[in-house]
C-alpha atoms as a PDB file:
ATOM      1  CA  UNK A   1       0.000   0.000   0.000  1.00  0.00           C
ATOM      2  CA  UNK A   2       2.859   2.401   0.694  1.00  0.00           C
ATOM      3  CA  UNK A   3       4.037   1.922  -2.909  1.00  0.00           C
ATOM      4  CA  UNK A   4       0.554   2.829  -4.110  1.00  0.00           C
ATOM      5  CA  UNK A   5       0.476   5.924  -1.904  1.00  0.00           C
ATOM      6  CA  UNK A   6       3.914   7.081  -3.070  1.00  0.00           C
ATOM      7  CA  UNK A   7       2.773   6.604  -6.664  1.00  0.00           C
ATOM      8  CA  UNK A   8      -0.219   8.799  -5.951  1.00  0.00           C
ATOM      9  CA  UNK A   9       1.947  11.432  -4.292  1.00  0.00           C
ATOM     10  CA  UNK A  10       4.367  11.719  -7.162  1.00  0.00           C
ATOM     11  CA  UNK A  11       1.937  11.507 -10.080  1.00  0.00           C
ATOM     12  CA  UNK A  12       0.595  15.050 -10.654  1.00  0.00           C
ATOM     13  CA  UNK A  13      -1.768  13.642 -13.280  1.00  0.00           C
ATOM     14  CA  UNK A  14      -3.619  11.748 -10.553  1.00  0.00           C
ATOM     15  CA  UNK A  15      -3.564  14.410  -7.856  1.00  0.00           C
ATOM     16  CA  UNK A  16      -3.096  18.043  -8.665  1.00  0.00           C
ATOM     17  CA  UNK A  17      -0.157  19.574  -6.796  1.00  0.00           C
ATOM     18  CA  UNK A  18      -2.119  22.786  -6.348  1.00  0.00           C
ATOM     19  CA  UNK A  19      -4.085  22.686  -3.124  1.00  0.00           C
ATOM     20  CA  UNK A  20      -7.785  21.935  -3.295  1.00  0.00           C
ATOM     21  CA  UNK A  21     -10.419  23.390  -0.998  1.00  0.00           C
ATOM     22  CA  UNK A  22     -13.588  21.813   0.298  1.00  0.00           C
ATOM     23  CA  UNK A  23     -15.777  23.879  -2.034  1.00  0.00           C
ATOM     24  CA  UNK A  24     -14.204  22.377  -5.147  1.00  0.00           C
ATOM     25  CA  UNK A  25     -14.494  18.919  -3.596  1.00  0.00           C
ATOM     26  CA  UNK A  26     -18.223  19.401  -2.950  1.00  0.00           C
ATOM     27  CA  UNK A  27     -18.828  20.668  -6.477  1.00  0.00           C
ATOM     28  CA  UNK A  28     -17.000  17.728  -8.050  1.00  0.00           C
ATOM     29  CA  UNK A  29     -18.168  14.889  -5.781  1.00  0.00           C
ATOM     30  CA  UNK A  30     -19.801  11.986  -7.621  1.00  0.00           C
ATOM     31  CA  UNK A  31     -23.261  10.619  -6.949  1.00  0.00           C
ATOM     32  CA  UNK A  32     -21.774   7.668  -5.083  1.00  0.00           C
ATOM     33  CA  UNK A  33     -20.829  10.042  -2.236  1.00  0.00           C
ATOM     34  CA  UNK A  34     -24.203  11.751  -1.776  1.00  0.00           C
ATOM     35  CA  UNK A  35     -26.981  10.319  -3.909  1.00  0.00           C
ATOM     36  CA  UNK A  36     -29.238  12.437  -6.072  1.00  0.00           C
ATOM     37  CA  UNK A  37     -27.568  15.860  -5.931  1.00  0.00           C
ATOM     38  CA  UNK A  38     -28.003  18.118  -8.928  1.00  0.00           C
ATOM     39  CA  UNK A  39     -25.299  20.652  -9.828  1.00  0.00           C
ATOM     40  CA  UNK A  40     -27.506  23.484  -8.538  1.00  0.00           C
ATOM     41  CA  UNK A  41     -27.911  21.697  -5.188  1.00  0.00           C
ATOM     42  CA  UNK A  42     -24.161  21.188  -4.895  1.00  0.00           C
ATOM     43  CA  UNK A  43     -23.727  24.923  -5.518  1.00  0.00           C
ATOM     44  CA  UNK A  44     -26.098  25.676  -2.642  1.00  0.00           C
ATOM     45  CA  UNK A  45     -24.288  23.285  -0.288  1.00  0.00           C
ATOM     46  CA  UNK A  46     -20.929  24.791  -1.261  1.00  0.00           C
ATOM     47  CA  UNK A  47     -22.067  28.378  -0.673  1.00  0.00           C
ATOM     48  CA  UNK A  48     -21.147  30.360   2.434  1.00  0.00           C
ATOM     49  CA  UNK A  49     -18.829  27.708   3.848  1.00  0.00           C
ATOM     50  CA  UNK A  50     -17.590  30.100   6.534  1.00  0.00           C
ATOM     51  CA  UNK A  51     -21.102  30.322   7.976  1.00  0.00           C
ATOM     52  CA  UNK A  52     -21.539  28.137  11.078  1.00  0.00           C
ATOM     53  CA  UNK A  53     -25.323  27.928  10.636  1.00  0.00           C
ATOM     54  CA  UNK A  54     -26.774  24.686   9.300  1.00  0.00           C
ATOM     55  CA  UNK A  55     -27.869  24.770   5.663  1.00  0.00           C
ATOM     56  CA  UNK A  56     -30.661  22.560   4.314  1.00  0.00           C
ATOM     57  CA  UNK A  57     -31.322  21.746   0.654  1.00  0.00           C
ATOM     58  CA  UNK A  58     -34.492  19.996  -0.520  1.00  0.00           C
ATOM     59  CA  UNK A  59     -33.917  17.169  -3.027  1.00  0.00           C
ATOM     60  CA  UNK A  60     -37.602  16.680  -3.721  1.00  0.00           C
ATOM     61  CA  UNK A  61     -38.659  13.020  -3.474  1.00  0.00           C
ATOM     62  CA  UNK A  62     -35.164  12.147  -2.186  1.00  0.00           C
ATOM     63  CA  UNK A  63     -35.721  14.283   0.898  1.00  0.00           C
ATOM     64  CA  UNK A  64     -33.581  16.965   2.482  1.00  0.00           C
ATOM     65  CA  UNK A  65     -29.835  17.102   2.924  1.00  0.00           C
ATOM     66  CA  UNK A  66     -28.377  19.334   5.628  1.00  0.00           C
ATOM     67  CA  UNK A  67     -24.853  20.724   5.808  1.00  0.00           C
ATOM     68  CA  UNK A  68     -24.061  20.331   9.497  1.00  0.00           C
ATOM     69  CA  UNK A  69     -20.583  21.847   9.680  1.00  0.00           C
ATOM     70  CA  UNK A  70     -17.762  23.047   7.439  1.00  0.00           C
ATOM     71  CA  UNK A  71     -14.236  24.417   7.432  1.00  0.00           C
ATOM     72  CA  UNK A  72     -11.731  25.081   4.623  1.00  0.00           C
ATOM     73  CA  UNK A  73     -10.873  21.351   4.483  1.00  0.00           C
ATOM     74  CA  UNK A  74     -13.962  19.675   5.978  1.00  0.00           C
ATOM     75  CA  UNK A  75     -17.695  19.310   5.493  1.00  0.00           C
ATOM     76  CA  UNK A  76     -20.348  17.091   7.040  1.00  0.00           C
ATOM     77  CA  UNK A  77     -23.846  16.349   5.758  1.00  0.00           C
ATOM     78  CA  UNK A  78     -26.947  14.763   7.254  1.00  0.00           C
ATOM     79  CA  UNK A  79     -28.233  12.721   4.325  1.00  0.00           C
ATOM     80  CA  UNK A  80     -31.224  11.026   6.000  1.00  0.00           C
ATOM     81  CA  UNK A  81     -32.742  10.435   9.413  1.00  0.00           C
ATOM     82  CA  UNK A  82     -30.172   7.687   9.945  1.00  0.00           C
ATOM     83  CA  UNK A  83     -27.217   8.701   7.779  1.00  0.00           C
ATOM     84  CA  UNK A  84     -24.376  11.212   7.728  1.00  0.00           C
ATOM     85  CA  UNK A  85     -21.409  11.789   5.414  1.00  0.00           C
ATOM     86  CA  UNK A  86     -18.181  13.513   6.481  1.00  0.00           C
ATOM     87  CA  UNK A  87     -15.530  14.632   3.983  1.00  0.00           C
ATOM     88  CA  UNK A  88     -12.000  15.736   4.881  1.00  0.00           C
ATOM     89  CA  UNK A  89      -9.055  16.872   2.760  1.00  0.00           C
ATOM     90  CA  UNK A  90      -5.861  15.323   4.116  1.00  0.00           C
ATOM     91  CA  UNK A  91      -2.385  16.696   3.260  1.00  0.00           C
ATOM     92  CA  UNK A  92       0.339  14.470   1.830  1.00  0.00           C
ATOM     93  CA  UNK A  93       4.061  14.978   2.178  1.00  0.00           C
ATOM     94  CA  UNK A  94       4.482  16.948  -1.078  1.00  0.00           C
ATOM     95  CA  UNK A  95       1.667  19.447  -0.391  1.00  0.00           C
ATOM     96  CA  UNK A  96      -0.844  17.479  -2.456  1.00  0.00           C
ATOM     97  CA  UNK A  97      -3.941  15.972  -0.858  1.00  0.00           C
ATOM     98  CA  UNK A  98      -6.283  13.023  -0.679  1.00  0.00           C
ATOM     99  CA  UNK A  99      -9.910  12.856   0.422  1.00  0.00           C
ATOM    100  CA  UNK A 100     -11.173  10.914   3.416  1.00  0.00           C
ATOM    101  CA  UNK A 101     -14.897  10.084   3.492  1.00  0.00           C
ATOM    102  CA  UNK A 102     -16.781   8.590   6.430  1.00  0.00           C
ATOM    103  CA  UNK A 103     -20.336   7.340   5.955  1.00  0.00           C
ATOM    104  CA  UNK A 104     -22.218   6.590   9.162  1.00  0.00           C
ATOM    105  CA  UNK A 105     -25.592   4.890   9.559  1.00  0.00           C
ATOM    106  CA  UNK A 106     -27.316   4.842  12.931  1.00  0.00           C
ATOM    107  CA  UNK A 107     -30.147   2.476  13.836  1.00  0.00           C
ATOM    108  CA  UNK A 108     -30.070   0.832  17.263  1.00  0.00           C
ATOM    109  CA  UNK A 109     -26.377   1.713  17.184  1.00  0.00           C
ATOM    110  CA  UNK A 110     -24.059   3.505  14.778  1.00  0.00           C
ATOM    111  CA  UNK A 111     -21.623   1.986  12.306  1.00  0.00           C
ATOM    112  CA  UNK A 112     -19.182   3.854  10.058  1.00  0.00           C
ATOM    113  CA  UNK A 113     -17.467   3.007   6.772  1.00  0.00           C
ATOM    114  CA  UNK A 114     -14.194   4.710   5.803  1.00  0.00           C
ATOM    115  CA  UNK A 115     -12.968   5.322   2.241  1.00  0.00           C
ATOM    116  CA  UNK A 116     -10.115   7.321   0.682  1.00  0.00           C
ATOM    117  CA  UNK A 117     -10.051   9.030  -2.736  1.00  0.00           C
ATOM    118  CA  UNK A 118      -7.766  11.136  -4.856  1.00  0.00           C
ATOM    119  CA  UNK A 119      -8.901  14.731  -5.353  1.00  0.00           C
ATOM    120  CA  UNK A 120     -10.268  13.522  -8.719  1.00  0.00           C
ATOM    121  CA  UNK A 121     -12.507  11.140  -6.744  1.00  0.00           C
ATOM    122  CA  UNK A 122     -10.650   8.014  -7.804  1.00  0.00           C
ATOM    123  CA  UNK A 123     -10.974   5.423  -4.979  1.00  0.00           C
ATOM    124  CA  UNK A 124      -7.777   4.505  -3.119  1.00  0.00           C
ATOM    125  CA  UNK A 125      -7.444   1.068  -1.545  1.00  0.00           C
ATOM    126  CA  UNK A 126      -7.523   1.663   2.207  1.00  0.00           C
ATOM    127  CA  UNK A 127      -4.633  -0.753   2.791  1.00  0.00           C
ATOM    128  CA  UNK A 128      -2.524   0.588   5.646  1.00  0.00           C
ATOM    129  CA  UNK A 129      -3.870   4.149   5.426  1.00  0.00           C
ATOM    130  CA  UNK A 130      -5.989   3.169   8.414  1.00  0.00           C
ATOM    131  CA  UNK A 131      -5.613   0.158  10.745  1.00  0.00           C
ATOM    132  CA  UNK A 132      -8.048  -2.724  10.543  1.00  0.00           C
ATOM    133  CA  UNK A 133     -10.898  -2.248  13.012  1.00  0.00           C
ATOM    134  CA  UNK A 134     -10.272  -4.037  16.293  1.00  0.00           C
ATOM    135  CA  UNK A 135     -12.552  -4.243  19.348  1.00  0.00           C
ATOM    136  CA  UNK A 136      -9.444  -4.577  21.526  1.00  0.00           C
ATOM    137  CA  UNK A 137      -8.790  -0.859  20.890  1.00  0.00           C
ATOM    138  CA  UNK A 138     -11.510  -0.165  23.445  1.00  0.00           C
ATOM    139  CA  UNK A 139     -10.401  -2.511  26.207  1.00  0.00           C
ATOM    140  CA  UNK A 140      -8.609  -0.858  29.127  1.00  0.00           C
ATOM    141  CA  UNK A 141      -4.908  -1.672  29.421  1.00  0.00           C
ATOM    142  CA  UNK A 142      -4.898  -1.814  33.223  1.00  0.00           C
ATOM    143  CA  UNK A 143      -7.169  -4.846  33.636  1.00  0.00           C
ATOM    144  CA  UNK A 144      -6.442  -8.530  34.128  1.00  0.00           C
ATOM    145  CA  UNK A 145      -7.318 -10.053  30.776  1.00  0.00           C
ATOM    146  CA  UNK A 146      -6.722 -13.519  32.181  1.00  0.00           C
ATOM    147  CA  UNK A 147      -9.452 -13.194  34.790  1.00  0.00           C
ATOM    148  CA  UNK A 148     -12.537 -15.351  34.289  1.00  0.00           C
ATOM    149  CA  UNK A 149     -14.731 -12.318  34.857  1.00  0.00           C
ATOM    150  CA  UNK A 150     -13.144 -10.532  31.885  1.00  0.00           C
ATOM    151  CA  UNK A 151     -13.179 -13.613  29.659  1.00  0.00           C
ATOM    152  CA  UNK A 152     -16.887 -14.164  30.310  1.00  0.00           C
ATOM    153  CA  UNK A 153     -17.725 -10.517  29.582  1.00  0.00           C
ATOM    154  CA  UNK A 154     -15.470 -10.345  26.515  1.00  0.00           C
ATOM    155  CA  UNK A 155     -17.107 -13.425  24.973  1.00  0.00           C
ATOM    156  CA  UNK A 156     -20.288 -11.397  24.390  1.00  0.00           C
ATOM    157  CA  UNK A 157     -18.450  -9.008  22.040  1.00  0.00           C
ATOM    158  CA  UNK A 158     -19.295 -10.818  18.813  1.00  0.00           C
ATOM    159  CA  UNK A 159     -20.113  -7.573  16.952  1.00  0.00           C
ATOM    160  CA  UNK A 160     -17.846  -4.689  16.011  1.00  0.00           C
ATOM    161  CA  UNK A 161     -20.027  -1.558  15.656  1.00  0.00           C
ATOM    162  CA  UNK A 162     -17.650   1.364  15.344  1.00  0.00           C
ATOM    163  CA  UNK A 163     -18.576   5.010  14.895  1.00  0.00           C
ATOM    164  CA  UNK A 164     -15.990   7.371  13.387  1.00  0.00           C
ATOM    165  CA  UNK A 165     -15.850  11.161  13.491  1.00  0.00           C
ATOM    166  CA  UNK A 166     -13.495  13.456  11.583  1.00  0.00           C
ATOM    167  CA  UNK A 167     -12.404  16.698  13.212  1.00  0.00           C
ATOM    168  CA  UNK A 168     -13.286  19.981  11.448  1.00  0.00           C
ATOM    169  CA  UNK A 169     -10.321  21.658  13.183  1.00  0.00           C
ATOM    170  CA  UNK A 170      -7.427  19.257  12.563  1.00  0.00           C
ATOM    171  CA  UNK A 171      -6.666  15.941  10.859  1.00  0.00           C
ATOM    172  CA  UNK A 172      -7.524  13.695  13.805  1.00  0.00           C
ATOM    173  CA  UNK A 173     -10.144  10.960  13.613  1.00  0.00           C
ATOM    174  CA  UNK A 174     -12.057   9.785  16.682  1.00  0.00           C
ATOM    175  CA  UNK A 175     -13.350   6.224  16.929  1.00  0.00           C
ATOM    176  CA  UNK A 176     -16.156   5.177  19.281  1.00  0.00           C
ATOM    177  CA  UNK A 177     -17.179   1.638  20.212  1.00  0.00           C
ATOM    178  CA  UNK A 178     -20.963   1.808  19.918  1.00  0.00           C
ATOM    179  CA  UNK A 179     -21.633  -1.573  21.485  1.00  0.00           C
ATOM    180  CA  UNK A 180     -24.138  -0.764  24.253  1.00  0.00           C
ATOM    181  CA  UNK A 181     -27.328  -1.195  22.241  1.00  0.00           C
ATOM    182  CA  UNK A 182     -26.061  -4.359  20.570  1.00  0.00           C
ATOM    183  CA  UNK A 183     -25.799  -6.142  23.915  1.00  0.00           C
ATOM    184  CA  UNK A 184     -28.370  -7.131  26.470  1.00  0.00           C
ATOM    185  CA  UNK A 185     -28.429  -4.927  29.552  1.00  0.00           C
ATOM    186  CA  UNK A 186     -26.892  -7.770  31.553  1.00  0.00           C
ATOM    187  CA  UNK A 187     -24.032  -8.363  29.069  1.00  0.00           C
ATOM    188  CA  UNK A 188     -23.255  -4.656  28.828  1.00  0.00           C
ATOM    189  CA  UNK A 189     -23.031  -4.281  32.597  1.00  0.00           C
ATOM    190  CA  UNK A 190     -20.500  -7.119  32.620  1.00  0.00           C
ATOM    191  CA  UNK A 191     -18.230  -5.611  29.961  1.00  0.00           C
ATOM    192  CA  UNK A 192     -18.635  -1.926  30.863  1.00  0.00           C
ATOM    193  CA  UNK A 193     -15.959  -1.888  33.634  1.00  0.00           C
ATOM    194  CA  UNK A 194     -13.394  -3.147  31.111  1.00  0.00           C
ATOM    195  CA  UNK A 195     -14.138  -0.573  28.400  1.00  0.00           C
ATOM    196  CA  UNK A 196     -12.370   2.737  27.865  1.00  0.00           C
ATOM    197  CA  UNK A 197     -14.541   5.748  28.626  1.00  0.00           C
ATOM    198  CA  UNK A 198     -13.088   7.953  25.876  1.00  0.00           C
ATOM    199  CA  UNK A 199     -12.863   7.395  22.127  1.00  0.00           C
ATOM    200  CA  UNK A 200      -9.670   6.156  20.513  1.00  0.00           C
ATOM    201  CA  UNK A 201      -8.082   8.988  18.520  1.00  0.00           C
ATOM    202  CA  UNK A 202      -5.988   8.483  15.394  1.00  0.00           C
ATOM    203  CA  UNK A 203      -3.698  11.150  13.934  1.00  0.00           C
ATOM    204  CA  UNK A 204      -2.817  11.682  10.281  1.00  0.00           C
ATOM    205  CA  UNK A 205       0.955  11.832   9.643  1.00  0.00           C
ATOM    206  CA  UNK A 206       0.710  12.786   5.939  1.00  0.00           C
ATOM    207  CA  UNK A 207       0.847   9.147   4.884  1.00  0.00           C
ATOM    208  CA  UNK A 208      -1.517   7.216   7.192  1.00  0.00           C
ATOM    209  CA  UNK A 209      -3.594   7.335  10.346  1.00  0.00           C
ATOM    210  CA  UNK A 210      -1.832   6.143  13.486  1.00  0.00           C
END
């Protein structure tokens, strides 16, 4: 994957060396990112990006889409009652950029999918740009993992619902273990003392999240 990333970095045909901004990314995003947006609706969502107020655009039969937050390199949209899309421009080592997109769907609990793209919206294999999801991220380090109490509680973690949030202010990415509603009340009470209270935060180092 590093070879692929270096190829992307050093091929100006694939990624323009001139810096992009979030407005141009919104205007050029394909339908696979946010379904059913006309060019005029993209223009509305890309307008007044410095304004902190929420902006709602009506897509007719497809329902409303709301711009929740934005910054020069970030935007987030509420695409349905259950769904959100976050888009972040991430810098690479030669002052070019790639796009990080997080799609989150919330029902009983939330689950997020992460994807990377060039600034031309060509998908990039995630590879080692972000670690493989692991429920052990959320287990406290100061517990006795050999205790029977922990083993019994841990055995109930047969799902891996993870919610991700990009920061509008920097390139960090916060990951939350949204397991509570997947478990019975009894099972959650057993595992809760072993879980971290805060999200796990990953930082972008201009080549991957760590």
